Amino acid sequence: MSFNFTCAPRTIFGEKALKTAAPYIADFGKKALIVTGKIITKTGLAAKVQDVLSVRGISSVIFNDLPGEPDDKMINAALSVFKSEKCDFIIGLGGGTLLIRQRLLRR
């Protein structure tokens, strides 16, 4: 059996992931798409990420229209926001992971 697996160039997870990721963020670009769920947005974690980005001169937009495991429609909706907002990279929040994916959806 053969398969192909692609992984993000940098995945940081666990306690203090945001602090650990901060030095790397500026290397990814000037605008981030933060992909997360509504519950994480309500906890304030997405806002904390936006604060860390802002201090580094990086703007961001939150996409939190994820009611569960993402399907094709949700992925296409996130892609639309990524393109229309001219984002450079994605930060995924959830499951204890801060995932930074540079130009994941550039096509």
PDB file of N, CA and C in Angstrom:
ATOM      1  N   MET A   1       0.850  -1.174   0.000  1.00  0.00           N
ATOM      2  CA  MET A   1       0.000   0.000   0.000  1.00  0.00           C
ATOM      3  C   MET A   1       0.898   1.240   0.000  1.00  0.00           C
ATOM      4  N   SER A   2       0.482   2.242  -0.757  1.00  0.00           N
ATOM      5  CA  SER A   2       1.230   3.482  -0.864  1.00  0.00           C
ATOM      6  C   SER A   2       0.352   4.645  -0.434  1.00  0.00           C
ATOM      7  N   PHE A   3       0.951   5.639   0.206  1.00  0.00           N
ATOM      8  CA  PHE A   3       0.217   6.837   0.565  1.00  0.00           C
ATOM      9  C   PHE A   3       1.174   8.009   0.635  1.00  0.00           C
ATOM     10  N   ASN A   4       0.607   9.201   0.599  1.00  0.00           N
ATOM     11  CA  ASN A   4       1.385  10.424   0.651  1.00  0.00           C
ATOM     12  C   ASN A   4       0.863  11.253   1.815  1.00  0.00           C
ATOM     13  N   PHE A   5       1.735  11.706   2.673  1.00  0.00           N
ATOM     14  CA  PHE A   5       1.341  12.476   3.844  1.00  0.00           C
ATOM     15  C   PHE A   5       2.110  13.790   3.844  1.00  0.00           C
ATOM     16  N   THR A   6       1.392  14.900   3.920  1.00  0.00           N
ATOM     17  CA  THR A   6       2.020  16.211   3.977  1.00  0.00           C
ATOM     18  C   THR A   6       1.742  16.816   5.339  1.00  0.00           C
ATOM     19  N   CYS A   7       2.761  17.344   5.948  1.00  0.00           N
ATOM     20  CA  CYS A   7       2.632  17.917   7.276  1.00  0.00           C
ATOM     21  C   CYS A   7       2.996  19.399   7.234  1.00  0.00           C
ATOM     22  N   ALA A   8       2.413  20.160   8.148  1.00  0.00           N
ATOM     23  CA  ALA A   8       2.736  21.583   8.250  1.00  0.00           C
ATOM     24  C   ALA A   8       4.230  21.749   8.527  1.00  0.00           C
ATOM     25  N   PRO A   9       4.808  22.839   8.036  1.00  0.00           N
ATOM     26  CA  PRO A   9       6.242  23.045   8.269  1.00  0.00           C
ATOM     27  C   PRO A   9       6.579  23.239   9.742  1.00  0.00           C
ATOM     28  N   ARG A  10       5.613  23.696  10.528  1.00  0.00           N
ATOM     29  CA  ARG A  10       5.861  23.863  11.959  1.00  0.00           C
ATOM     30  C   ARG A  10       4.550  23.654  12.701  1.00  0.00           C
ATOM     31  N   THR A  11       4.551  22.741  13.635  1.00  0.00           N
ATOM     32  CA  THR A  11       3.398  22.512  14.501  1.00  0.00           C
ATOM     33  C   THR A  11       3.875  22.638  15.937  1.00  0.00           C
ATOM     34  N   ILE A  12       3.213  23.489  16.686  1.00  0.00           N
ATOM     35  CA  ILE A  12       3.574  23.712  18.086  1.00  0.00           C
ATOM     36  C   ILE A  12       2.326  23.428  18.904  1.00  0.00           C
ATOM     37  N   PHE A  13       2.444  22.553  19.881  1.00  0.00           N
ATOM     38  CA  PHE A  13       1.262  22.213  20.656  1.00  0.00           C
ATOM     39  C   PHE A  13       1.599  22.112  22.118  1.00  0.00           C
ATOM     40  N   GLY A  14       0.537  22.171  22.924  1.00  0.00           N
ATOM     41  CA  GLY A  14       0.690  22.010  24.357  1.00  0.00           C
ATOM     42  C   GLY A  14       0.674  23.336  25.105  1.00  0.00           C
ATOM     43  N   GLU A  15       0.934  23.234  26.383  1.00  0.00           N
ATOM     44  CA  GLU A  15       0.937  24.393  27.254  1.00  0.00           C
ATOM     45  C   GLU A  15       1.977  25.405  26.784  1.00  0.00           C
ATOM     46  N   LYS A  16       1.613  26.659  26.752  1.00  0.00           N
ATOM     47  CA  LYS A  16       2.478  27.776  26.355  1.00  0.00           C
ATOM     48  C   LYS A  16       2.882  27.717  24.878  1.00  0.00           C
ATOM     49  N   ALA A  17       2.043  27.072  24.056  1.00  0.00           N
ATOM     50  CA  ALA A  17       2.342  26.970  22.623  1.00  0.00           C
ATOM     51  C   ALA A  17       2.432  28.349  21.977  1.00  0.00           C
ATOM     52  N   LEU A  18       1.559  29.251  22.377  1.00  0.00           N
ATOM     53  CA  LEU A  18       1.569  30.579  21.786  1.00  0.00           C
ATOM     54  C   LEU A  18       2.885  31.299  22.081  1.00  0.00           C
ATOM     55  N   LYS A  19       3.355  31.211  23.303  1.00  0.00           N
ATOM     56  CA  LYS A  19       4.622  31.844  23.670  1.00  0.00           C
ATOM     57  C   LYS A  19       5.774  31.220  22.887  1.00  0.00           C
ATOM     58  N   THR A  20       5.746  29.912  22.736  1.00  0.00           N
ATOM     59  CA  THR A  20       6.791  29.210  21.992  1.00  0.00           C
ATOM     60  C   THR A  20       6.776  29.608  20.516  1.00  0.00           C
ATOM     61  N   ALA A  21       5.578  29.821  19.963  1.00  0.00           N
ATOM     62  CA  ALA A  21       5.445  30.131  18.530  1.00  0.00           C
ATOM     63  C   ALA A  21       5.791  31.573  18.199  1.00  0.00           C
ATOM     64  N   ALA A  22       5.673  32.466  19.155  1.00  0.00           N
ATOM     65  CA  ALA A  22       5.820  33.900  18.895  1.00  0.00           C
ATOM     66  C   ALA A  22       7.070  34.266  18.085  1.00  0.00           C
ATOM     67  N   PRO A  23       8.242  33.726  18.385  1.00  0.00           N
ATOM     68  CA  PRO A  23       9.431  34.124  17.619  1.00  0.00           C
ATOM     69  C   PRO A  23       9.388  33.726  16.140  1.00  0.00           C
ATOM     70  N   TYR A  24       8.582  32.740  15.791  1.00  0.00           N
ATOM     71  CA  TYR A  24       8.531  32.251  14.414  1.00  0.00           C
ATOM     72  C   TYR A  24       7.503  32.973  13.550  1.00  0.00           C
ATOM     73  N   ILE A  25       6.539  33.609  14.179  1.00  0.00           N
ATOM     74  CA  ILE A  25       5.368  34.119  13.471  1.00  0.00           C
ATOM     75  C   ILE A  25       5.721  35.136  12.391  1.00  0.00           C
ATOM     76  N   ALA A  26       6.621  36.051  12.669  1.00  0.00           N
ATOM     77  CA  ALA A  26       6.943  37.106  11.703  1.00  0.00           C
ATOM     78  C   ALA A  26       7.504  36.552  10.398  1.00  0.00           C
ATOM     79  N   ASP A  27       8.076  35.377  10.425  1.00  0.00           N
ATOM     80  CA  ASP A  27       8.653  34.774   9.214  1.00  0.00           C
ATOM     81  C   ASP A  27       7.599  34.316   8.219  1.00  0.00           C
ATOM     82  N   PHE A  28       6.340  34.233   8.635  1.00  0.00           N
ATOM     83  CA  PHE A  28       5.303  33.661   7.779  1.00  0.00           C
ATOM     84  C   PHE A  28       4.568  34.679   6.923  1.00  0.00           C
ATOM     85  N   GLY A  29       4.631  35.952   7.253  1.00  0.00           N
ATOM     86  CA  GLY A  29       3.954  36.946   6.438  1.00  0.00           C
ATOM     87  C   GLY A  29       3.349  38.056   7.275  1.00  0.00           C
ATOM     88  N   LYS A  30       2.484  38.830   6.638  1.00  0.00           N
ATOM     89  CA  LYS A  30       1.911  40.014   7.268  1.00  0.00           C
ATOM     90  C   LYS A  30       0.435  39.881   7.628  1.00  0.00           C
ATOM     91  N   LYS A  31      -0.206  38.777   7.194  1.00  0.00           N
ATOM     92  CA  LYS A  31      -1.620  38.609   7.534  1.00  0.00           C
ATOM     93  C   LYS A  31      -1.937  37.131   7.737  1.00  0.00           C
ATOM     94  N   ALA A  32      -2.607  36.848   8.839  1.00  0.00           N
ATOM     95  CA  ALA A  32      -2.929  35.467   9.210  1.00  0.00           C
ATOM     96  C   ALA A  32      -4.428  35.216   9.160  1.00  0.00           C
ATOM     97  N   LEU A  33      -4.773  34.026   8.746  1.00  0.00           N
ATOM     98  CA  LEU A  33      -6.135  33.525   8.892  1.00  0.00           C
ATOM     99  C   LEU A  33      -6.107  32.595  10.094  1.00  0.00           C
ATOM    100  N   ILE A  34      -6.863  32.937  11.125  1.00  0.00           N
ATOM    101  CA  ILE A  34      -6.947  32.102  12.315  1.00  0.00           C
ATOM    102  C   ILE A  34      -8.175  31.217  12.153  1.00  0.00           C
ATOM    103  N   VAL A  35      -7.954  29.916  12.064  1.00  0.00           N
ATOM    104  CA  VAL A  35      -9.033  28.956  11.882  1.00  0.00           C
ATOM    105  C   VAL A  35      -9.256  28.239  13.204  1.00  0.00           C
ATOM    106  N   THR A  36     -10.479  28.316  13.701  1.00  0.00           N
ATOM    107  CA  THR A  36     -10.789  27.732  14.996  1.00  0.00           C
ATOM    108  C   THR A  36     -12.296  27.518  15.104  1.00  0.00           C
ATOM    109  N   GLY A  37     -12.730  27.057  16.234  1.00  0.00           N
ATOM    110  CA  GLY A  37     -14.154  26.876  16.476  1.00  0.00           C
ATOM    111  C   GLY A  37     -14.735  28.018  17.283  1.00  0.00           C
ATOM    112  N   LYS A  38     -16.030  28.062  17.343  1.00  0.00           N
ATOM    113  CA  LYS A  38     -16.712  29.137  18.069  1.00  0.00           C
ATOM    114  C   LYS A  38     -16.428  29.091  19.573  1.00  0.00           C
ATOM    115  N   ILE A  39     -16.282  27.904  20.127  1.00  0.00           N
ATOM    116  CA  ILE A  39     -16.022  27.781  21.565  1.00  0.00           C
ATOM    117  C   ILE A  39     -14.658  28.379  21.911  1.00  0.00           C
ATOM    118  N   ILE A  40     -13.644  28.078  21.108  1.00  0.00           N
ATOM    119  CA  ILE A  40     -12.310  28.633  21.365  1.00  0.00           C
ATOM    120  C   ILE A  40     -12.334  30.148  21.206  1.00  0.00           C
ATOM    121  N   THR A  41     -13.115  30.631  20.246  1.00  0.00           N
ATOM    122  CA  THR A  41     -13.253  32.077  20.087  1.00  0.00           C
ATOM    123  C   THR A  41     -13.869  32.675  21.342  1.00  0.00           C
ATOM    124  N   LYS A  42     -14.910  32.026  21.890  1.00  0.00           N
ATOM    125  CA  LYS A  42     -15.580  32.528  23.099  1.00  0.00           C
ATOM    126  C   LYS A  42     -14.664  32.520  24.322  1.00  0.00           C
ATOM    127  N   THR A  43     -13.707  31.599  24.372  1.00  0.00           N
ATOM    128  CA  THR A  43     -12.794  31.547  25.520  1.00  0.00           C
ATOM    129  C   THR A  43     -11.804  32.704  25.531  1.00  0.00           C
ATOM    130  N   GLY A  44     -11.656  33.372  24.394  1.00  0.00           N
ATOM    131  CA  GLY A  44     -10.704  34.479  24.311  1.00  0.00           C
ATOM    132  C   GLY A  44      -9.346  34.081  23.762  1.00  0.00           C
ATOM    133  N   LEU A  45      -9.135  32.795  23.504  1.00  0.00           N
ATOM    134  CA  LEU A  45      -7.835  32.357  23.004  1.00  0.00           C
ATOM    135  C   LEU A  45      -7.521  32.953  21.625  1.00  0.00           C
ATOM    136  N   ALA A  46      -8.518  33.014  20.756  1.00  0.00           N
ATOM    137  CA  ALA A  46      -8.281  33.597  19.430  1.00  0.00           C
ATOM    138  C   ALA A  46      -7.885  35.064  19.554  1.00  0.00           C
ATOM    139  N   ALA A  47      -8.514  35.778  20.475  1.00  0.00           N
ATOM    140  CA  ALA A  47      -8.168  37.185  20.704  1.00  0.00           C
ATOM    141  C   ALA A  47      -6.736  37.318  21.228  1.00  0.00           C
ATOM    142  N   LYS A  48      -6.302  36.384  22.077  1.00  0.00           N
ATOM    143  CA  LYS A  48      -4.921  36.403  22.571  1.00  0.00           C
ATOM    144  C   LYS A  48      -3.936  36.215  21.422  1.00  0.00           C
ATOM    145  N   VAL A  49      -4.276  35.320  20.510  1.00  0.00           N
ATOM    146  CA  VAL A  49      -3.420  35.110  19.339  1.00  0.00           C
ATOM    147  C   VAL A  49      -3.374  36.387  18.506  1.00  0.00           C
ATOM    148  N   GLN A  50      -4.528  37.026  18.314  1.00  0.00           N
ATOM    149  CA  GLN A  50      -4.552  38.278  17.563  1.00  0.00           C
ATOM    150  C   GLN A  50      -3.688  39.343  18.239  1.00  0.00           C
ATOM    151  N   ASP A  51      -3.693  39.399  19.561  1.00  0.00           N
ATOM    152  CA  ASP A  51      -2.853  40.356  20.280  1.00  0.00           C
ATOM    153  C   ASP A  51      -1.373  40.097  20.027  1.00  0.00           C
ATOM    154  N   VAL A  52      -0.970  38.825  20.079  1.00  0.00           N
ATOM    155  CA  VAL A  52       0.431  38.471  19.830  1.00  0.00           C
ATOM    156  C   VAL A  52       0.822  38.863  18.408  1.00  0.00           C
ATOM    157  N   LEU A  53      -0.066  38.624  17.457  1.00  0.00           N
ATOM    158  CA  LEU A  53       0.207  38.986  16.068  1.00  0.00           C
ATOM    159  C   LEU A  53       0.309  40.503  15.915  1.00  0.00           C
ATOM    160  N   SER A  54      -0.629  41.211  16.510  1.00  0.00           N
ATOM    161  CA  SER A  54      -0.675  42.662  16.386  1.00  0.00           C
ATOM    162  C   SER A  54       0.603  43.323  16.891  1.00  0.00           C
ATOM    163  N   VAL A  55       1.116  42.836  18.007  1.00  0.00           N
ATOM    164  CA  VAL A  55       2.356  43.372  18.572  1.00  0.00           C
ATOM    165  C   VAL A  55       3.509  43.229  17.574  1.00  0.00           C
ATOM    166  N   ARG A  56       3.425  42.220  16.730  1.00  0.00           N
ATOM    167  CA  ARG A  56       4.470  41.969  15.738  1.00  0.00           C
ATOM    168  C   ARG A  56       4.140  42.585  14.378  1.00  0.00           C
ATOM    169  N   GLY A  57       3.111  43.427  14.325  1.00  0.00           N
ATOM    170  CA  GLY A  57       2.746  44.098  13.086  1.00  0.00           C
ATOM    171  C   GLY A  57       2.029  43.221  12.083  1.00  0.00           C
ATOM    172  N   ILE A  58       1.405  42.157  12.573  1.00  0.00           N
ATOM    173  CA  ILE A  58       0.713  41.216  11.697  1.00  0.00           C
ATOM    174  C   ILE A  58      -0.794  41.354  11.934  1.00  0.00           C
ATOM    175  N   SER A  59      -1.527  41.578  10.855  1.00  0.00           N
ATOM    176  CA  SER A  59      -2.981  41.636  10.978  1.00  0.00           C
ATOM    177  C   SER A  59      -3.548  40.221  10.859  1.00  0.00           C
ATOM    178  N   SER A  60      -4.828  40.081  11.211  1.00  0.00           N
ATOM    179  CA  SER A  60      -5.417  38.737  11.186  1.00  0.00           C
ATOM    180  C   SER A  60      -6.922  38.825  11.026  1.00  0.00           C
ATOM    181  N   VAL A  61      -7.484  37.726  10.604  1.00  0.00           N
ATOM    182  CA  VAL A  61      -8.918  37.558  10.500  1.00  0.00           C
ATOM    183  C   VAL A  61      -9.248  36.177  11.059  1.00  0.00           C
ATOM    184  N   ILE A  62     -10.384  36.064  11.746  1.00  0.00           N
ATOM    185  CA  ILE A  62     -10.784  34.784  12.341  1.00  0.00           C
ATOM    186  C   ILE A  62     -11.846  34.127  11.476  1.00  0.00           C
ATOM    187  N   PHE A  63     -11.637  32.848  11.188  1.00  0.00           N
ATOM    188  CA  PHE A  63     -12.652  32.006  10.548  1.00  0.00           C
ATOM    189  C   PHE A  63     -13.020  30.951  11.572  1.00  0.00           C
ATOM    190  N   ASN A  64     -14.239  31.037  12.109  1.00  0.00           N
ATOM    191  CA  ASN A  64     -14.636  30.079  13.147  1.00  0.00           C
ATOM    192  C   ASN A  64     -15.960  29.403  12.818  1.00  0.00           C
ATOM    193  N   ASP A  65     -16.255  29.292  11.552  1.00  0.00           N
ATOM    194  CA  ASP A  65     -17.492  28.646  11.126  1.00  0.00           C
ATOM    195  C   ASP A  65     -17.256  27.138  10.959  1.00  0.00           C
ATOM    196  N   LEU A  66     -16.871  26.504  12.058  1.00  0.00           N
ATOM    197  CA  LEU A  66     -16.542  25.080  12.051  1.00  0.00           C
ATOM    198  C   LEU A  66     -17.370  24.364  13.116  1.00  0.00           C
ATOM    199  N   PRO A  67     -18.542  23.870  12.755  1.00  0.00           N
ATOM    200  CA  PRO A  67     -19.376  23.202  13.753  1.00  0.00           C
ATOM    201  C   PRO A  67     -18.879  21.807  14.137  1.00  0.00           C
ATOM    202  N   GLY A  68     -17.944  21.263  13.415  1.00  0.00           N
ATOM    203  CA  GLY A  68     -17.417  19.932  13.709  1.00  0.00           C
ATOM    204  C   GLY A  68     -16.205  19.672  12.837  1.00  0.00           C
ATOM    205  N   GLU A  69     -15.972  18.416  12.537  1.00  0.00           N
ATOM    206  CA  GLU A  69     -14.866  18.083  11.639  1.00  0.00           C
ATOM    207  C   GLU A  69     -15.109  18.755  10.292  1.00  0.00           C
ATOM    208  N   PRO A  70     -14.099  19.426   9.751  1.00  0.00           N
ATOM    209  CA  PRO A  70     -14.309  20.165   8.506  1.00  0.00           C
ATOM    210  C   PRO A  70     -14.627  19.254   7.325  1.00  0.00           C
ATOM    211  N   ASP A  71     -15.606  19.684   6.546  1.00  0.00           N
ATOM    212  CA  ASP A  71     -15.925  18.989   5.304  1.00  0.00           C
ATOM    213  C   ASP A  71     -15.511  19.896   4.138  1.00  0.00           C
ATOM    214  N   ASP A  72     -15.778  19.469   2.924  1.00  0.00           N
ATOM    215  CA  ASP A  72     -15.366  20.229   1.745  1.00  0.00           C
ATOM    216  C   ASP A  72     -15.949  21.637   1.743  1.00  0.00           C
ATOM    217  N   LYS A  73     -17.197  21.790   2.158  1.00  0.00           N
ATOM    218  CA  LYS A  73     -17.839  23.104   2.154  1.00  0.00           C
ATOM    219  C   LYS A  73     -17.142  24.059   3.116  1.00  0.00           C
ATOM    220  N   MET A  74     -16.795  23.571   4.308  1.00  0.00           N
ATOM    221  CA  MET A  74     -16.109  24.409   5.283  1.00  0.00           C
ATOM    222  C   MET A  74     -14.712  24.782   4.806  1.00  0.00           C
ATOM    223  N   ILE A  75     -14.018  23.830   4.216  1.00  0.00           N
ATOM    224  CA  ILE A  75     -12.673  24.091   3.702  1.00  0.00           C
ATOM    225  C   ILE A  75     -12.726  25.124   2.578  1.00  0.00           C
ATOM    226  N   ASN A  76     -13.696  24.986   1.682  1.00  0.00           N
ATOM    227  CA  ASN A  76     -13.842  25.959   0.599  1.00  0.00           C
ATOM    228  C   ASN A  76     -14.219  27.338   1.132  1.00  0.00           C
ATOM    229  N   ALA A  77     -15.024  27.390   2.180  1.00  0.00           N
ATOM    230  CA  ALA A  77     -15.380  28.676   2.787  1.00  0.00           C
ATOM    231  C   ALA A  77     -14.143  29.335   3.398  1.00  0.00           C
ATOM    232  N   ALA A  78     -13.315  28.548   4.081  1.00  0.00           N
ATOM    233  CA  ALA A  78     -12.074  29.080   4.661  1.00  0.00           C
ATOM    234  C   ALA A  78     -11.132  29.545   3.555  1.00  0.00           C
ATOM    235  N   LEU A  79     -11.056  28.786   2.475  1.00  0.00           N
ATOM    236  CA  LEU A  79     -10.213  29.160   1.338  1.00  0.00           C
ATOM    237  C   LEU A  79     -10.675  30.491   0.748  1.00  0.00           C
ATOM    238  N   SER A  80     -11.972  30.674   0.651  1.00  0.00           N
ATOM    239  CA  SER A  80     -12.521  31.918   0.126  1.00  0.00           C
ATOM    240  C   SER A  80     -12.107  33.108   0.998  1.00  0.00           C
ATOM    241  N   VAL A  81     -12.204  32.947   2.315  1.00  0.00           N
ATOM    242  CA  VAL A  81     -11.794  34.010   3.235  1.00  0.00           C
ATOM    243  C   VAL A  81     -10.288  34.245   3.115  1.00  0.00           C
ATOM    244  N   PHE A  82      -9.507  33.173   3.064  1.00  0.00           N
ATOM    245  CA  PHE A  82      -8.047  33.271   2.939  1.00  0.00           C
ATOM    246  C   PHE A  82      -7.678  34.123   1.723  1.00  0.00           C
ATOM    247  N   LYS A  83      -8.317  33.842   0.597  1.00  0.00           N
ATOM    248  CA  LYS A  83      -8.013  34.560  -0.640  1.00  0.00           C
ATOM    249  C   LYS A  83      -8.550  35.986  -0.619  1.00  0.00           C
ATOM    250  N   SER A  84      -9.806  36.164  -0.210  1.00  0.00           N
ATOM    251  CA  SER A  84     -10.405  37.499  -0.243  1.00  0.00           C
ATOM    252  C   SER A  84      -9.730  38.451   0.739  1.00  0.00           C
ATOM    253  N   GLU A  85      -9.235  37.922   1.845  1.00  0.00           N
ATOM    254  CA  GLU A  85      -8.546  38.744   2.851  1.00  0.00           C
ATOM    255  C   GLU A  85      -7.048  38.875   2.573  1.00  0.00           C
ATOM    256  N   LYS A  86      -6.590  38.194   1.513  1.00  0.00           N
ATOM    257  CA  LYS A  86      -5.168  38.240   1.116  1.00  0.00           C
ATOM    258  C   LYS A  86      -4.242  37.822   2.261  1.00  0.00           C
ATOM    259  N   CYS A  87      -4.575  36.699   2.878  1.00  0.00           N
ATOM    260  CA  CYS A  87      -3.777  36.158   3.980  1.00  0.00           C
ATOM    261  C   CYS A  87      -2.511  35.489   3.445  1.00  0.00           C
ATOM    262  N   ASP A  88      -1.495  35.475   4.270  1.00  0.00           N
ATOM    263  CA  ASP A  88      -0.227  34.842   3.927  1.00  0.00           C
ATOM    264  C   ASP A  88      -0.065  33.466   4.554  1.00  0.00           C
ATOM    265  N   PHE A  89      -0.705  33.268   5.705  1.00  0.00           N
ATOM    266  CA  PHE A  89      -0.547  32.004   6.408  1.00  0.00           C
ATOM    267  C   PHE A  89      -1.756  31.737   7.283  1.00  0.00           C
ATOM    268  N   ILE A  90      -1.819  30.502   7.781  1.00  0.00           N
ATOM    269  CA  ILE A  90      -2.944  30.050   8.600  1.00  0.00           C
ATOM    270  C   ILE A  90      -2.437  29.653   9.980  1.00  0.00           C
ATOM    271  N   ILE A  91      -3.212  30.033  10.978  1.00  0.00           N
ATOM    272  CA  ILE A  91      -2.983  29.549  12.340  1.00  0.00           C
ATOM    273  C   ILE A  91      -4.230  28.773  12.727  1.00  0.00           C
ATOM    274  N   GLY A  92      -4.070  27.505  13.040  1.00  0.00           N
ATOM    275  CA  GLY A  92      -5.181  26.670  13.468  1.00  0.00           C
ATOM    276  C   GLY A  92      -5.158  26.508  14.967  1.00  0.00           C
ATOM    277  N   LEU A  93      -6.284  26.778  15.609  1.00  0.00           N
ATOM    278  CA  LEU A  93      -6.394  26.627  17.059  1.00  0.00           C
ATOM    279  C   LEU A  93      -7.419  25.561  17.373  1.00  0.00           C
ATOM    280  N   GLY A  94      -7.026  24.598  18.194  1.00  0.00           N
ATOM    281  CA  GLY A  94      -7.966  23.577  18.614  1.00  0.00           C
ATOM    282  C   GLY A  94      -7.257  22.302  18.980  1.00  0.00           C
ATOM    283  N   GLY A  95      -7.862  21.555  19.841  1.00  0.00           N
ATOM    284  CA  GLY A  95      -7.285  20.279  20.241  1.00  0.00           C
ATOM    285  C   GLY A  95      -5.934  20.421  20.906  1.00  0.00           C
ATOM    286  N   GLY A  96      -5.660  21.591  21.497  1.00  0.00           N
ATOM    287  CA  GLY A  96      -4.383  21.802  22.166  1.00  0.00           C
ATOM    288  C   GLY A  96      -3.255  22.132  21.210  1.00  0.00           C
ATOM    289  N   THR A  97      -3.570  22.395  19.945  1.00  0.00           N
ATOM    290  CA  THR A  97      -2.527  22.633  18.951  1.00  0.00           C
ATOM    291  C   THR A  97      -2.600  24.047  18.405  1.00  0.00           C
ATOM    292  N   LEU A  98      -1.454  24.652  18.274  1.00  0.00           N
ATOM    293  CA  LEU A  98      -1.306  25.884  17.522  1.00  0.00           C
ATOM    294  C   LEU A  98      -0.565  25.480  16.262  1.00  0.00           C
ATOM    295  N   LEU A  99      -1.271  25.454  15.161  1.00  0.00           N
ATOM    296  CA  LEU A  99      -0.707  24.990  13.892  1.00  0.00           C
ATOM    297  C   LEU A  99      -0.484  26.194  13.009  1.00  0.00           C
ATOM    298  N   ILE A 100       0.735  26.377  12.600  1.00  0.00           N
ATOM    299  CA  ILE A 100       1.051  27.475  11.707  1.00  0.00           C
ATOM    300  C   ILE A 100       1.387  26.864  10.356  1.00  0.00           C
ATOM    301  N   ARG A 101       0.605  27.223   9.381  1.00  0.00           N
ATOM    302  CA  ARG A 101       0.791  26.665   8.041  1.00  0.00           C
ATOM    303  C   ARG A 101       1.008  27.810   7.060  1.00  0.00           C
ATOM    304  N   GLN A 102       2.191  27.900   6.521  1.00  0.00           N
ATOM    305  CA  GLN A 102       2.511  28.971   5.596  1.00  0.00           C
ATOM    306  C   GLN A 102       1.990  28.638   4.204  1.00  0.00           C
ATOM    307  N   ARG A 103       1.218  29.546   3.676  1.00  0.00           N
ATOM    308  CA  ARG A 103       0.702  29.431   2.319  1.00  0.00           C
ATOM    309  C   ARG A 103       0.070  28.066   2.027  1.00  0.00           C
ATOM    310  N   LEU A 104      -0.657  27.561   2.993  1.00  0.00           N
ATOM    311  CA  LEU A 104      -1.311  26.260   2.864  1.00  0.00           C
ATOM    312  C   LEU A 104      -2.266  26.223   1.679  1.00  0.00           C
ATOM    313  N   LEU A 105      -3.003  27.289   1.499  1.00  0.00           N
ATOM    314  CA  LEU A 105      -4.064  27.270   0.521  1.00  0.00           C
ATOM    315  C   LEU A 105      -3.756  28.086  -0.726  1.00  0.00           C
ATOM    316  N   ARG A 106      -2.521  28.551  -0.900  1.00  0.00           N
ATOM    317  CA  ARG A 106      -2.178  29.313  -2.101  1.00  0.00           C
ATOM    318  C   ARG A 106      -2.283  28.411  -3.315  1.00  0.00           C
ATOM    319  N   ARG A 107      -3.054  28.856  -4.280  1.00  0.00           N
ATOM    320  CA  ARG A 107      -3.186  28.086  -5.521  1.00  0.00           C
ATOM    321  C   ARG A 107      -3.070  28.993  -6.692  1.00  0.00           C
TER     322      ARG A 107
END
